Amino acid sequence: MAAQSTTSVKLDSVLKERVQRLATARRRTPHWVMREAVQQYVEREEKRESFRQEALAALEDYQDTGLHLTHAEVGAWLAKLAAGKKSKLPKCHA
């Protein structure tokens, strides 16, 4: 387990009360609710950033090579897979 440190977060009174109500309903502490919320947010945003970086790399690759598949080609390939047929991904072309 990583070392833990304290961080302060200022919440307006309405949000603080909402956290308290949720904590009570979940039989957890407000600290647990906030820590869980931050963890889920960070994990979601890390995945989103990873997806964005992959998309930028794919765009750069396309701009460098011109290789691509059309929507129709991908759709036909996916339809075969959905029908339970084995099918290799079509080769990219310029």
C-alpha atoms as a PDB file:
ATOM      1  CA  MET A   1       0.000   0.000   0.000  1.00  0.00           C
ATOM      2  CA  ALA A   2       1.307   3.443  -0.887  1.00  0.00           C
ATOM      3  CA  ALA A   3       2.090   5.928   1.845  1.00  0.00           C
ATOM      4  CA  GLN A   4      -0.817   8.180   2.662  1.00  0.00           C
ATOM      5  CA  SER A   5      -0.773  11.908   3.256  1.00  0.00           C
ATOM      6  CA  THR A   6      -3.406  14.439   4.213  1.00  0.00           C
ATOM      7  CA  THR A   7      -4.853  16.845   1.663  1.00  0.00           C
ATOM      8  CA  SER A   8      -7.436  19.495   2.431  1.00  0.00           C
ATOM      9  CA  VAL A   9     -10.416  20.158   0.209  1.00  0.00           C
ATOM     10  CA  LYS A  10     -12.710  23.120   0.722  1.00  0.00           C
ATOM     11  CA  LEU A  11     -16.359  22.287   0.065  1.00  0.00           C
ATOM     12  CA  ASP A  12     -19.303  24.626   0.161  1.00  0.00           C
ATOM     13  CA  SER A  13     -21.832  23.826   2.854  1.00  0.00           C
ATOM     14  CA  VAL A  14     -24.363  22.332   0.429  1.00  0.00           C
ATOM     15  CA  LEU A  15     -21.885  19.860  -1.041  1.00  0.00           C
ATOM     16  CA  LYS A  16     -20.512  19.018   2.393  1.00  0.00           C
ATOM     17  CA  GLU A  17     -24.030  18.176   3.586  1.00  0.00           C
ATOM     18  CA  ARG A  18     -24.656  16.039   0.493  1.00  0.00           C
ATOM     19  CA  VAL A  19     -21.467  14.086   1.211  1.00  0.00           C
ATOM     20  CA  GLN A  20     -22.545  13.647   4.831  1.00  0.00           C
ATOM     21  CA  ARG A  21     -26.004  12.374   3.829  1.00  0.00           C
ATOM     22  CA  LEU A  22     -24.501   9.933   1.352  1.00  0.00           C
ATOM     23  CA  ALA A  23     -21.983   8.722   3.908  1.00  0.00           C
ATOM     24  CA  THR A  24     -24.741   8.151   6.438  1.00  0.00           C
ATOM     25  CA  ALA A  25     -26.857   6.284   3.896  1.00  0.00           C
ATOM     26  CA  ARG A  26     -23.899   4.088   2.931  1.00  0.00           C
ATOM     27  CA  ARG A  27     -22.805   3.605   6.537  1.00  0.00           C
ATOM     28  CA  ARG A  28     -19.425   5.050   5.663  1.00  0.00           C
ATOM     29  CA  THR A  29     -17.505   8.094   6.777  1.00  0.00           C
ATOM     30  CA  PRO A  30     -17.495  11.316   4.748  1.00  0.00           C
ATOM     31  CA  HIS A  31     -13.741  10.759   4.396  1.00  0.00           C
ATOM     32  CA  TRP A  32     -14.359   7.376   2.742  1.00  0.00           C
ATOM     33  CA  VAL A  33     -16.952   8.856   0.353  1.00  0.00           C
ATOM     34  CA  MET A  34     -14.619  11.670  -0.720  1.00  0.00           C
ATOM     35  CA  ARG A  35     -11.620   9.360  -1.106  1.00  0.00           C
ATOM     36  CA  GLU A  36     -13.705   6.960  -3.206  1.00  0.00           C
ATOM     37  CA  ALA A  37     -14.979   9.834  -5.352  1.00  0.00           C
ATOM     38  CA  VAL A  38     -11.476  11.146  -5.996  1.00  0.00           C
ATOM     39  CA  GLN A  39     -10.152   7.669  -6.800  1.00  0.00           C
ATOM     40  CA  GLN A  40     -12.956   6.976  -9.295  1.00  0.00           C
ATOM     41  CA  TYR A  41     -12.535  10.403 -10.892  1.00  0.00           C
ATOM     42  CA  VAL A  42      -8.780   9.963 -11.315  1.00  0.00           C
ATOM     43  CA  GLU A  43      -9.168   6.459 -12.771  1.00  0.00           C
ATOM     44  CA  ARG A  44     -11.822   7.669 -15.240  1.00  0.00           C
ATOM     45  CA  GLU A  45      -9.756  10.677 -16.305  1.00  0.00           C
ATOM     46  CA  GLU A  46      -6.602   8.555 -16.707  1.00  0.00           C
ATOM     47  CA  LYS A  47      -8.531   6.230 -19.049  1.00  0.00           C
ATOM     48  CA  ARG A  48      -9.899   9.224 -20.943  1.00  0.00           C
ATOM     49  CA  GLU A  49      -6.402  10.701 -21.311  1.00  0.00           C
ATOM     50  CA  SER A  50      -5.026   7.346 -22.462  1.00  0.00           C
ATOM     51  CA  PHE A  51      -7.777   7.126 -25.097  1.00  0.00           C
ATOM     52  CA  ARG A  52      -7.007  10.691 -26.215  1.00  0.00           C
ATOM     53  CA  GLN A  53      -3.296   9.919 -26.539  1.00  0.00           C
ATOM     54  CA  GLU A  54      -4.060   6.758 -28.552  1.00  0.00           C
ATOM     55  CA  ALA A  55      -6.336   8.769 -30.849  1.00  0.00           C
ATOM     56  CA  LEU A  56      -3.657  11.425 -31.377  1.00  0.00           C
ATOM     57  CA  ALA A  57      -1.080   8.712 -32.142  1.00  0.00           C
ATOM     58  CA  ALA A  58      -3.489   7.078 -34.619  1.00  0.00           C
ATOM     59  CA  LEU A  59      -4.119  10.427 -36.309  1.00  0.00           C
ATOM     60  CA  GLU A  60      -0.386  11.069 -36.566  1.00  0.00           C
ATOM     61  CA  ASP A  61       0.133   7.588 -38.028  1.00  0.00           C
ATOM     62  CA  TYR A  62      -2.636   8.185 -40.563  1.00  0.00           C
ATOM     63  CA  GLN A  63      -1.172  11.569 -41.511  1.00  0.00           C
ATOM     64  CA  ASP A  64       2.269   9.955 -41.965  1.00  0.00           C
ATOM     65  CA  THR A  65       1.175   6.860 -43.896  1.00  0.00           C
ATOM     66  CA  GLY A  66      -2.305   7.505 -45.285  1.00  0.00           C
ATOM     67  CA  LEU A  67      -3.228   3.941 -44.339  1.00  0.00           C
ATOM     68  CA  HIS A  68      -6.833   3.496 -43.230  1.00  0.00           C
ATOM     69  CA  LEU A  69      -9.978   1.365 -43.309  1.00  0.00           C
ATOM     70  CA  THR A  70     -13.341   2.720 -44.377  1.00  0.00           C
ATOM     71  CA  HIS A  71     -16.397   2.650 -42.151  1.00  0.00           C
ATOM     72  CA  ALA A  72     -17.981   0.095 -44.493  1.00  0.00           C
ATOM     73  CA  GLU A  73     -14.924  -2.190 -44.295  1.00  0.00           C
ATOM     74  CA  VAL A  74     -14.894  -2.138 -40.521  1.00  0.00           C
ATOM     75  CA  GLY A  75     -18.679  -2.562 -40.381  1.00  0.00           C
ATOM     76  CA  ALA A  76     -18.561  -5.637 -42.616  1.00  0.00           C
ATOM     77  CA  TRP A  77     -15.763  -7.144 -40.511  1.00  0.00           C
ATOM     78  CA  LEU A  78     -17.669  -6.507 -37.279  1.00  0.00           C
ATOM     79  CA  ALA A  79     -20.865  -7.978 -38.775  1.00  0.00           C
ATOM     80  CA  LYS A  80     -18.993 -11.223 -39.513  1.00  0.00           C
ATOM     81  CA  LEU A  81     -17.684 -11.362 -35.963  1.00  0.00           C
ATOM     82  CA  ALA A  82     -21.155 -10.645 -34.552  1.00  0.00           C
ATOM     83  CA  ALA A  83     -22.517 -13.518 -36.643  1.00  0.00           C
ATOM     84  CA  GLY A  84     -19.994 -15.849 -34.998  1.00  0.00           C
ATOM     85  CA  LYS A  85     -17.760 -16.177 -38.045  1.00  0.00           C
ATOM     86  CA  LYS A  86     -14.000 -16.036 -37.742  1.00  0.00           C
ATOM     87  CA  SER A  87     -12.655 -13.092 -39.657  1.00  0.00           C
ATOM     88  CA  LYS A  88      -9.361 -11.290 -39.741  1.00  0.00           C
ATOM     89  CA  LEU A  89      -9.259  -7.525 -39.581  1.00  0.00           C
ATOM     90  CA  PRO A  90      -8.980  -6.205 -43.153  1.00  0.00           C
ATOM     91  CA  LYS A  91      -5.609  -4.781 -44.183  1.00  0.00           C
ATOM     92  CA  CYS A  92      -5.274  -1.045 -44.144  1.00  0.00           C
ATOM     93  CA  HIS A  93      -4.833   0.699 -47.484  1.00  0.00           C
ATOM     94  CA  ALA A  94      -4.002   4.134 -48.799  1.00  0.00           C
END
